[in-house]
Amino acid sequence: TRRAAMHQERIGLIAGKGQFPILFARAARAQGLAVVAVGIVGETLPALEAEVDSLTWVHLGQLGKLIKAFRGQGVTRAAMCGGVTKPRMFGDVRPDLKALTLIGKLRHLADDGILRTLAKVLAGEGIAILPSHELLPELLASAGTYTKRGPSPEERADAEVGWQLAHELGKLDIGQALVIRGRAVVAVEAMEGTDACIRRGGELAGPGTVVVKRCKPSQDQRFDLPAVGAETIATMAEAQASCLVIEAGRTLVFDREEMIRRAEAAGVCLLAWAGGEEQ
């Protein structure tokens, strides 16, 4: 396979956690591309190996090894798919000299800053970063109400508050999600991730919370777009949250049919609002 792949156009894949890297690899191969992947130890699913033409494993921070893997196979275009468990940045990072140079350029370790700087470093090595959803545009949320049930007046009022505040939160590059109840902010997503934020919201405010997840105003749409899926709804059901609002056109939706099925079963209202419109 690898010998044949040398004659194909190659695309690089920086693979984080979850199913997104696997979906990307399948889409790329369906388009006749050879996939040269770099996986992160402890994050990337081992099942990715069967979906790509080559897979190099690196630890968080081994930027030099990542660049060498791509340049060694003539990769000039790559995508970043799937996130990294944020708290690991404090414990399981092995920065090489290349990564230390990158970190030295950062004002603070916010997601966008790290990823934009990484993209610049890779561009300097002749590797352009593509939008992660470029080969899978069908994953982007379309506007509308996904469930049979629309929001109650109370849920809509909470969603409107959350929609505006998520925009402000995004300006500070803190997170993409928050939980509202009674037009008050109950929980804000930071490094712990959306699921933990939803659970905390349920613990603090009880049933009937509204979850809003929205793109940052200055979001670089090549990477780290907001993402939701069937597991998001499972967490909401566990926390007895009642409504989820996401941003149409700028949110990745995984397992869409299963997600809607679970939402209907749990009585969760699921909406996608268009960005830029303060609903």
C-alpha atoms as a PDB file:
ATOM      1  CA  THR A   1       0.000   0.000   0.000  1.00  0.00           C
ATOM      2  CA  ARG A   2       2.758   2.417   0.914  1.00  0.00           C
ATOM      3  CA  ARG A   3       4.631   1.807  -2.331  1.00  0.00           C
ATOM      4  CA  ALA A   4       1.473   2.557  -4.317  1.00  0.00           C
ATOM      5  CA  ALA A   5       0.837   5.603  -2.143  1.00  0.00           C
ATOM      6  CA  MET A   6       4.124   7.177  -3.245  1.00  0.00           C
ATOM      7  CA  HIS A   7       2.532   7.768  -6.658  1.00  0.00           C
ATOM      8  CA  GLN A   8      -0.637   9.317  -5.203  1.00  0.00           C
ATOM      9  CA  GLU A   9      -1.189  12.847  -4.045  1.00  0.00           C
ATOM     10  CA  ARG A  10      -0.555  12.820  -0.293  1.00  0.00           C
ATOM     11  CA  ILE A  11      -2.363  14.655   2.453  1.00  0.00           C
ATOM     12  CA  GLY A  12      -1.179  14.962   6.032  1.00  0.00           C
ATOM     13  CA  LEU A  13      -3.381  14.330   9.047  1.00  0.00           C
ATOM     14  CA  ILE A  14      -2.590  15.545  12.564  1.00  0.00           C
ATOM     15  CA  ALA A  15      -4.914  13.233  14.474  1.00  0.00           C
ATOM     16  CA  GLY A  16      -6.363  14.039  17.881  1.00  0.00           C
ATOM     17  CA  LYS A  17      -8.937  12.093  19.850  1.00  0.00           C
ATOM     18  CA  GLY A  18     -12.283  10.698  18.730  1.00  0.00           C
ATOM     19  CA  GLN A  19     -13.723   9.565  15.418  1.00  0.00           C
ATOM     20  CA  PHE A  20     -13.039  12.729  13.377  1.00  0.00           C
ATOM     21  CA  PRO A  21      -9.534  11.648  12.203  1.00  0.00           C
ATOM     22  CA  ILE A  22     -10.955   8.307  11.019  1.00  0.00           C
ATOM     23  CA  LEU A  23     -13.792  10.025   9.129  1.00  0.00           C
ATOM     24  CA  PHE A  24     -11.302  12.435   7.547  1.00  0.00           C
ATOM     25  CA  ALA A  25      -8.981   9.589   6.504  1.00  0.00           C
ATOM     26  CA  ARG A  26     -11.848   7.672   4.885  1.00  0.00           C
ATOM     27  CA  ALA A  27     -13.022  10.767   3.003  1.00  0.00           C
ATOM     28  CA  ALA A  28      -9.491  11.508   1.796  1.00  0.00           C
ATOM     29  CA  ARG A  29      -8.929   7.974   0.575  1.00  0.00           C
ATOM     30  CA  ALA A  30     -12.339   7.981  -1.148  1.00  0.00           C
ATOM     31  CA  GLN A  31     -11.032  10.975  -3.095  1.00  0.00           C
ATOM     32  CA  GLY A  32      -7.915   9.061  -4.115  1.00  0.00           C
ATOM     33  CA  LEU A  33      -5.545  10.695  -1.652  1.00  0.00           C
ATOM     34  CA  ALA A  34      -2.869   8.855   0.302  1.00  0.00           C
ATOM     35  CA  VAL A  35      -3.110   9.748   4.002  1.00  0.00           C
ATOM     36  CA  VAL A  36       0.082  10.359   5.971  1.00  0.00           C
ATOM     37  CA  ALA A  37      -1.014  10.562   9.609  1.00  0.00           C
ATOM     38  CA  VAL A  38       0.645  11.631  12.824  1.00  0.00           C
ATOM     39  CA  GLY A  39      -1.090  10.315  15.945  1.00  0.00           C
ATOM     40  CA  ILE A  40      -0.720  11.481  19.545  1.00  0.00           C
ATOM     41  CA  VAL A  41       0.104   8.787  22.084  1.00  0.00           C
ATOM     42  CA  GLY A  42      -2.756   8.400  24.544  1.00  0.00           C
ATOM     43  CA  GLU A  43      -5.190  10.466  22.450  1.00  0.00           C
ATOM     44  CA  THR A  44      -5.514   9.110  18.912  1.00  0.00           C
ATOM     45  CA  LEU A  45      -7.581   5.958  18.454  1.00  0.00           C
ATOM     46  CA  PRO A  46      -5.320   3.004  17.466  1.00  0.00           C
ATOM     47  CA  ALA A  47      -8.027   2.055  14.923  1.00  0.00           C
ATOM     48  CA  LEU A  48      -6.773   4.947  12.765  1.00  0.00           C
ATOM     49  CA  GLU A  49      -3.825   2.810  11.655  1.00  0.00           C
ATOM     50  CA  ALA A  50      -6.082   0.658   9.465  1.00  0.00           C
ATOM     51  CA  GLU A  51      -7.496   3.757   7.726  1.00  0.00           C
ATOM     52  CA  VAL A  52      -4.281   5.501   6.627  1.00  0.00           C
ATOM     53  CA  ASP A  53      -1.236   4.810   4.468  1.00  0.00           C
ATOM     54  CA  SER A  54       1.255   5.582   7.219  1.00  0.00           C
ATOM     55  CA  LEU A  55       0.978   6.494  10.897  1.00  0.00           C
ATOM     56  CA  THR A  56       3.726   8.014  13.023  1.00  0.00           C
ATOM     57  CA  TRP A  57       3.131   8.185  16.775  1.00  0.00           C
ATOM     58  CA  VAL A  58       4.352  11.231  18.697  1.00  0.00           C
ATOM     59  CA  HIS A  59       4.011  12.467  22.263  1.00  0.00           C
ATOM     60  CA  LEU A  60       2.488  15.891  22.849  1.00  0.00           C
ATOM     61  CA  GLY A  61       5.252  18.395  22.145  1.00  0.00           C
ATOM     62  CA  GLN A  62       7.257  16.337  19.641  1.00  0.00           C
ATOM     63  CA  LEU A  63       6.846  18.914  16.897  1.00  0.00           C
ATOM     64  CA  GLY A  64      10.150  18.128  15.215  1.00  0.00           C
ATOM     65  CA  LYS A  65       9.139  14.485  14.811  1.00  0.00           C
ATOM     66  CA  LEU A  66       5.783  15.536  13.338  1.00  0.00           C
ATOM     67  CA  ILE A  67       7.447  17.805  10.773  1.00  0.00           C
ATOM     68  CA  LYS A  68       9.986  15.109   9.880  1.00  0.00           C
ATOM     69  CA  ALA A  69       7.170  12.567   9.286  1.00  0.00           C
ATOM     70  CA  PHE A  70       5.415  14.918   6.862  1.00  0.00           C
ATOM     71  CA  ARG A  71       8.468  16.253   5.052  1.00  0.00           C
ATOM     72  CA  GLY A  72       9.903  12.744   4.715  1.00  0.00           C
ATOM     73  CA  GLN A  73       6.867  11.765   2.640  1.00  0.00           C
ATOM     74  CA  GLY A  74       6.516  14.970   0.674  1.00  0.00           C
ATOM     75  CA  VAL A  75       3.383  16.240   2.433  1.00  0.00           C
ATOM     76  CA  THR A  76       2.590  19.863   1.544  1.00  0.00           C
ATOM     77  CA  ARG A  77      -1.036  19.969   2.773  1.00  0.00           C
ATOM     78  CA  ALA A  78      -2.377  18.721   6.084  1.00  0.00           C
ATOM     79  CA  ALA A  79      -5.405  18.996   8.382  1.00  0.00           C
ATOM     80  CA  MET A  80      -5.796  18.926  12.166  1.00  0.00           C
ATOM     81  CA  CYS A  81      -8.739  16.736  13.182  1.00  0.00           C
ATOM     82  CA  GLY A  82      -9.869  15.913  16.706  1.00  0.00           C
ATOM     83  CA  GLY A  83      -8.918  17.653  19.905  1.00  0.00           C
ATOM     84  CA  VAL A  84      -6.516  16.872  22.720  1.00  0.00           C
ATOM     85  CA  THR A  85      -7.498  16.359  26.356  1.00  0.00           C
ATOM     86  CA  LYS A  86      -6.539  19.827  27.601  1.00  0.00           C
ATOM     87  CA  PRO A  87      -5.391  19.006  31.162  1.00  0.00           C
ATOM     88  CA  ARG A  88      -2.715  16.732  29.679  1.00  0.00           C
ATOM     89  CA  MET A  89      -0.893  19.888  28.608  1.00  0.00           C
ATOM     90  CA  PHE A  90       0.275  20.153  32.223  1.00  0.00           C
ATOM     91  CA  GLY A  91       1.448  16.602  32.694  1.00  0.00           C
ATOM     92  CA  ASP A  92       2.221  14.607  29.589  1.00  0.00           C
ATOM     93  CA  VAL A  93       4.027  17.034  27.303  1.00  0.00           C
ATOM     94  CA  ARG A  94       7.518  16.373  26.031  1.00  0.00           C
ATOM     95  CA  PRO A  95       8.413  19.578  24.174  1.00  0.00           C
ATOM     96  CA  ASP A  96      11.343  19.295  21.810  1.00  0.00           C
ATOM     97  CA  LEU A  97      13.380  22.316  20.710  1.00  0.00           C
ATOM     98  CA  LYS A  98      10.966  23.083  17.881  1.00  0.00           C
ATOM     99  CA  ALA A  99       8.009  23.090  20.281  1.00  0.00           C
ATOM    100  CA  LEU A 100       9.843  25.210  22.855  1.00  0.00           C
ATOM    101  CA  THR A 101      10.453  27.806  20.137  1.00  0.00           C
ATOM    102  CA  LEU A 102       6.727  27.778  19.332  1.00  0.00           C
ATOM    103  CA  ILE A 103       5.696  28.106  23.001  1.00  0.00           C
ATOM    104  CA  GLY A 104       8.117  31.008  23.457  1.00  0.00           C
ATOM    105  CA  LYS A 105       6.169  33.012  20.871  1.00  0.00           C
ATOM    106  CA  LEU A 106       2.841  32.663  22.700  1.00  0.00           C
ATOM    107  CA  ARG A 107       1.319  35.328  24.916  1.00  0.00           C
ATOM    108  CA  HIS A 108      -0.786  32.717  26.729  1.00  0.00           C
ATOM    109  CA  LEU A 109      -1.598  29.060  26.154  1.00  0.00           C
ATOM    110  CA  ALA A 110      -5.102  29.479  24.710  1.00  0.00           C
ATOM    111  CA  ASP A 111      -6.219  26.967  22.092  1.00  0.00           C
ATOM    112  CA  ASP A 112      -6.379  29.351  19.156  1.00  0.00           C
ATOM    113  CA  GLY A 113      -2.996  30.886  19.919  1.00  0.00           C
ATOM    114  CA  ILE A 114      -1.271  27.502  20.066  1.00  0.00           C
ATOM    115  CA  LEU A 115      -2.923  26.205  16.908  1.00  0.00           C
ATOM    116  CA  ARG A 116      -2.434  29.376  14.861  1.00  0.00           C
ATOM    117  CA  THR A 117       1.230  29.475  15.829  1.00  0.00           C
ATOM    118  CA  LEU A 118       1.586  25.782  15.003  1.00  0.00           C
ATOM    119  CA  ALA A 119       0.010  26.442  11.589  1.00  0.00           C
ATOM    120  CA  LYS A 120       2.527  29.253  10.986  1.00  0.00           C
ATOM    121  CA  VAL A 121       5.445  27.018  11.942  1.00  0.00           C
ATOM    122  CA  LEU A 122       4.199  24.289   9.579  1.00  0.00           C
ATOM    123  CA  ALA A 123       3.670  26.831   6.782  1.00  0.00           C
ATOM    124  CA  GLY A 124       7.302  27.852   7.261  1.00  0.00           C
ATOM    125  CA  GLU A 125       8.201  24.187   6.661  1.00  0.00           C
ATOM    126  CA  GLY A 126       6.157  24.134   3.432  1.00  0.00           C
ATOM    127  CA  ILE A 127       3.105  22.419   4.946  1.00  0.00           C
ATOM    128  CA  ALA A 128      -0.186  24.320   4.524  1.00  0.00           C
ATOM    129  CA  ILE A 129      -2.971  23.618   7.043  1.00  0.00           C
ATOM    130  CA  LEU A 130      -6.386  23.055   5.460  1.00  0.00           C
ATOM    131  CA  PRO A 131      -9.799  23.464   7.119  1.00  0.00           C
ATOM    132  CA  SER A 132     -10.465  20.230   9.003  1.00  0.00           C
ATOM    133  CA  HIS A 133     -13.934  19.928   7.460  1.00  0.00           C
ATOM    134  CA  GLU A 134     -12.862  20.609   3.865  1.00  0.00           C
ATOM    135  CA  LEU A 135     -13.324  16.983   2.812  1.00  0.00           C
ATOM    136  CA  LEU A 136     -16.423  16.519   5.005  1.00  0.00           C
ATOM    137  CA  PRO A 137     -18.640  19.610   4.548  1.00  0.00           C
ATOM    138  CA  GLU A 138     -21.688  17.493   5.419  1.00  0.00           C
ATOM    139  CA  LEU A 139     -20.548  17.465   9.064  1.00  0.00           C
ATOM    140  CA  LEU A 140     -21.304  21.186   9.444  1.00  0.00           C
ATOM    141  CA  ALA A 141     -24.600  21.949  11.196  1.00  0.00           C
ATOM    142  CA  SER A 142     -27.407  23.314   9.050  1.00  0.00           C
ATOM    143  CA  ALA A 143     -29.700  25.962  10.570  1.00  0.00           C
ATOM    144  CA  GLY A 144     -33.008  24.925  12.104  1.00  0.00           C
ATOM    145  CA  THR A 145     -34.702  22.943  14.848  1.00  0.00           C
ATOM    146  CA  TYR A 146     -33.529  19.322  14.735  1.00  0.00           C
ATOM    147  CA  THR A 147     -36.077  17.903  17.159  1.00  0.00           C
ATOM    148  CA  LYS A 148     -39.867  17.782  16.957  1.00  0.00           C
ATOM    149  CA  ARG A 149     -40.021  19.934  20.072  1.00  0.00           C
ATOM    150  CA  GLY A 150     -38.943  23.565  19.803  1.00  0.00           C
ATOM    151  CA  PRO A 151     -37.793  25.624  22.779  1.00  0.00           C
ATOM    152  CA  SER A 152     -40.251  26.702  25.487  1.00  0.00           C
ATOM    153  CA  PRO A 153     -40.421  30.463  26.169  1.00  0.00           C
ATOM    154  CA  GLU A 154     -38.139  29.951  29.189  1.00  0.00           C
ATOM    155  CA  GLU A 155     -35.615  27.899  27.203  1.00  0.00           C
ATOM    156  CA  ARG A 156     -35.612  30.463  24.412  1.00  0.00           C
ATOM    157  CA  ALA A 157     -34.985  33.304  26.871  1.00  0.00           C
ATOM    158  CA  ASP A 158     -32.086  31.353  28.383  1.00  0.00           C
ATOM    159  CA  ALA A 159     -30.752  30.482  24.925  1.00  0.00           C
ATOM    160  CA  GLU A 160     -30.761  34.156  23.895  1.00  0.00           C
ATOM    161  CA  VAL A 161     -28.764  35.105  26.975  1.00  0.00           C
ATOM    162  CA  GLY A 162     -26.361  32.205  26.427  1.00  0.00           C
ATOM    163  CA  TRP A 163     -25.964  33.003  22.725  1.00  0.00           C
ATOM    164  CA  GLN A 164     -24.814  36.549  23.431  1.00  0.00           C
ATOM    165  CA  LEU A 165     -22.584  35.583  26.369  1.00  0.00           C
ATOM    166  CA  ALA A 166     -20.952  32.704  24.444  1.00  0.00           C
ATOM    167  CA  HIS A 167     -19.940  35.307  21.853  1.00  0.00           C
ATOM    168  CA  GLU A 168     -18.328  37.445  24.579  1.00  0.00           C
ATOM    169  CA  LEU A 169     -16.695  34.398  26.172  1.00  0.00           C
ATOM    170  CA  GLY A 170     -15.224  33.496  22.792  1.00  0.00           C
ATOM    171  CA  LYS A 171     -13.622  36.931  22.439  1.00  0.00           C
ATOM    172  CA  LEU A 172     -11.509  36.090  25.490  1.00  0.00           C
ATOM    173  CA  ASP A 173     -10.582  32.659  24.060  1.00  0.00           C
ATOM    174  CA  ILE A 174     -11.731  30.876  27.222  1.00  0.00           C
ATOM    175  CA  GLY A 175     -14.105  28.253  25.826  1.00  0.00           C
ATOM    176  CA  GLN A 176     -17.003  27.625  23.468  1.00  0.00           C
ATOM    177  CA  ALA A 177     -19.836  26.447  25.722  1.00  0.00           C
ATOM    178  CA  LEU A 178     -21.814  27.617  28.709  1.00  0.00           C
ATOM    179  CA  VAL A 179     -24.841  26.492  30.711  1.00  0.00           C
ATOM    180  CA  ILE A 180     -27.750  28.835  31.513  1.00  0.00           C
ATOM    181  CA  ARG A 181     -30.729  28.509  33.862  1.00  0.00           C
ATOM    182  CA  GLY A 182     -33.192  31.264  34.669  1.00  0.00           C
ATOM    183  CA  ARG A 183     -31.174  33.679  32.498  1.00  0.00           C
ATOM    184  CA  ALA A 184     -28.174  33.229  34.799  1.00  0.00           C
ATOM    185  CA  VAL A 185     -24.818  31.694  33.855  1.00  0.00           C
ATOM    186  CA  VAL A 186     -24.491  28.428  35.762  1.00  0.00           C
ATOM    187  CA  ALA A 187     -21.298  26.979  34.248  1.00  0.00           C
ATOM    188  CA  VAL A 188     -18.647  28.113  31.770  1.00  0.00           C
ATOM    189  CA  GLU A 189     -16.475  25.750  29.764  1.00  0.00           C
ATOM    190  CA  ALA A 190     -12.750  26.196  30.157  1.00  0.00           C
ATOM    191  CA  MET A 191     -10.100  23.492  30.000  1.00  0.00           C
ATOM    192  CA  GLU A 192     -12.317  20.669  31.307  1.00  0.00           C
ATOM    193  CA  GLY A 193     -14.373  20.385  28.106  1.00  0.00           C
ATOM    194  CA  THR A 194     -18.067  20.593  27.219  1.00  0.00           C
ATOM    195  CA  ASP A 195     -19.249  17.358  28.853  1.00  0.00           C
ATOM    196  CA  ALA A 196     -17.762  18.277  32.233  1.00  0.00           C
ATOM    197  CA  CYS A 197     -19.267  21.763  31.929  1.00  0.00           C
ATOM    198  CA  ILE A 198     -22.730  20.287  31.236  1.00  0.00           C
ATOM    199  CA  ARG A 199     -22.445  17.928  34.224  1.00  0.00           C
ATOM    200  CA  ARG A 200     -21.391  20.751  36.514  1.00  0.00           C
ATOM    201  CA  GLY A 201     -24.314  22.855  35.291  1.00  0.00           C
ATOM    202  CA  GLY A 202     -26.708  20.042  36.174  1.00  0.00           C
ATOM    203  CA  GLU A 203     -25.172  19.609  39.630  1.00  0.00           C
ATOM    204  CA  LEU A 204     -25.464  23.333  40.362  1.00  0.00           C
ATOM    205  CA  ALA A 205     -28.851  24.189  38.855  1.00  0.00           C
ATOM    206  CA  GLY A 206     -30.728  20.894  38.585  1.00  0.00           C
ATOM    207  CA  PRO A 207     -32.999  19.915  35.678  1.00  0.00           C
ATOM    208  CA  GLY A 208     -33.903  22.232  32.807  1.00  0.00           C
ATOM    209  CA  THR A 209     -30.595  23.887  31.986  1.00  0.00           C
ATOM    210  CA  VAL A 210     -29.866  25.259  28.509  1.00  0.00           C
ATOM    211  CA  VAL A 211     -26.499  24.540  26.879  1.00  0.00           C
ATOM    212  CA  VAL A 212     -25.122  26.942  24.267  1.00  0.00           C
ATOM    213  CA  LYS A 213     -22.064  26.075  22.200  1.00  0.00           C
ATOM    214  CA  ARG A 214     -20.811  28.671  19.780  1.00  0.00           C
ATOM    215  CA  CYS A 215     -17.799  29.513  17.633  1.00  0.00           C
ATOM    216  CA  LYS A 216     -15.373  32.163  18.859  1.00  0.00           C
ATOM    217  CA  PRO A 217     -15.711  35.443  16.909  1.00  0.00           C
ATOM    218  CA  SER A 218     -12.110  35.227  15.721  1.00  0.00           C
ATOM    219  CA  GLN A 219     -12.207  31.429  15.255  1.00  0.00           C
ATOM    220  CA  ASP A 220      -9.711  30.131  12.733  1.00  0.00           C
ATOM    221  CA  GLN A 221     -12.003  27.730  10.916  1.00  0.00           C
ATOM    222  CA  ARG A 222      -9.142  25.475   9.894  1.00  0.00           C
ATOM    223  CA  PHE A 223      -9.192  23.831  13.311  1.00  0.00           C
ATOM    224  CA  ASP A 224     -10.920  23.470  16.680  1.00  0.00           C
ATOM    225  CA  LEU A 225     -14.444  24.175  15.436  1.00  0.00           C
ATOM    226  CA  PRO A 226     -17.086  23.486  18.089  1.00  0.00           C
ATOM    227  CA  ALA A 227     -18.219  19.854  17.896  1.00  0.00           C
ATOM    228  CA  VAL A 228     -21.205  17.958  19.276  1.00  0.00           C
ATOM    229  CA  GLY A 229     -22.528  14.435  18.856  1.00  0.00           C
ATOM    230  CA  ALA A 230     -24.550  11.616  20.363  1.00  0.00           C
ATOM    231  CA  GLU A 231     -22.333  11.634  23.478  1.00  0.00           C
ATOM    232  CA  THR A 232     -23.146  15.313  24.061  1.00  0.00           C
ATOM    233  CA  ILE A 233     -26.843  14.424  24.253  1.00  0.00           C
ATOM    234  CA  ALA A 234     -26.091  11.454  26.528  1.00  0.00           C
ATOM    235  CA  THR A 235     -24.301  13.829  28.918  1.00  0.00           C
ATOM    236  CA  MET A 236     -27.194  16.302  28.751  1.00  0.00           C
ATOM    237  CA  ALA A 237     -29.695  13.526  29.537  1.00  0.00           C
ATOM    238  CA  GLU A 238     -27.560  12.490  32.525  1.00  0.00           C
ATOM    239  CA  ALA A 239     -27.496  16.124  33.744  1.00  0.00           C
ATOM    240  CA  GLN A 240     -31.217  16.566  32.923  1.00  0.00           C
ATOM    241  CA  ALA A 241     -30.401  19.532  30.656  1.00  0.00           C
ATOM    242  CA  SER A 242     -33.318  20.353  28.371  1.00  0.00           C
ATOM    243  CA  CYS A 243     -32.037  22.354  25.380  1.00  0.00           C
ATOM    244  CA  LEU A 244     -28.895  22.558  23.230  1.00  0.00           C
ATOM    245  CA  VAL A 245     -28.171  25.492  20.921  1.00  0.00           C
ATOM    246  CA  ILE A 246     -25.280  25.250  18.446  1.00  0.00           C
ATOM    247  CA  GLU A 247     -24.052  27.528  15.665  1.00  0.00           C
ATOM    248  CA  ALA A 248     -25.112  26.651  12.127  1.00  0.00           C
ATOM    249  CA  GLY A 249     -22.357  26.475   9.512  1.00  0.00           C
ATOM    250  CA  ARG A 250     -19.590  26.569  12.119  1.00  0.00           C
ATOM    251  CA  THR A 251     -20.246  23.522  14.319  1.00  0.00           C
ATOM    252  CA  LEU A 252     -19.309  19.930  13.526  1.00  0.00           C
ATOM    253  CA  VAL A 253     -22.105  17.437  14.171  1.00  0.00           C
ATOM    254  CA  PHE A 254     -21.105  13.788  14.542  1.00  0.00           C
ATOM    255  CA  ASP A 255     -23.561  10.852  14.484  1.00  0.00           C
ATOM    256  CA  ARG A 256     -26.333  13.273  13.492  1.00  0.00           C
ATOM    257  CA  GLU A 257     -29.149  10.701  13.239  1.00  0.00           C
ATOM    258  CA  GLU A 258     -28.208   9.004  16.513  1.00  0.00           C
ATOM    259  CA  MET A 259     -27.840  12.397  18.162  1.00  0.00           C
ATOM    260  CA  ILE A 260     -31.367  13.446  17.135  1.00  0.00           C
ATOM    261  CA  ARG A 261     -32.769  10.052  18.175  1.00  0.00           C
ATOM    262  CA  ARG A 262     -31.231  10.384  21.635  1.00  0.00           C
ATOM    263  CA  ALA A 263     -32.439  13.986  21.924  1.00  0.00           C
ATOM    264  CA  GLU A 264     -36.016  12.949  21.121  1.00  0.00           C
ATOM    265  CA  ALA A 265     -35.826  10.086  23.631  1.00  0.00           C
ATOM    266  CA  ALA A 266     -34.465  12.368  26.364  1.00  0.00           C
ATOM    267  CA  GLY A 267     -36.855  15.244  25.617  1.00  0.00           C
ATOM    268  CA  VAL A 268     -33.941  17.520  24.730  1.00  0.00           C
ATOM    269  CA  CYS A 269     -34.652  20.358  22.284  1.00  0.00           C
ATOM    270  CA  LEU A 270     -31.867  20.709  19.699  1.00  0.00           C
ATOM    271  CA  LEU A 271     -31.402  23.948  17.718  1.00  0.00           C
ATOM    272  CA  ALA A 272     -28.840  25.366  15.288  1.00  0.00           C
ATOM    273  CA  TRP A 273     -28.862  29.159  15.016  1.00  0.00           C
ATOM    274  CA  ALA A 274     -27.087  31.171  12.344  1.00  0.00           C
ATOM    275  CA  GLY A 275     -23.977  33.011  13.543  1.00  0.00           C
ATOM    276  CA  GLY A 276     -24.022  36.770  13.685  1.00  0.00           C
ATOM    277  CA  GLU A 277     -27.743  36.869  14.435  1.00  0.00           C
ATOM    278  CA  GLU A 278     -28.436  37.687  18.057  1.00  0.00           C
ATOM    279  CA  GLN A 279     -31.612  35.593  18.113  1.00  0.00           C
END
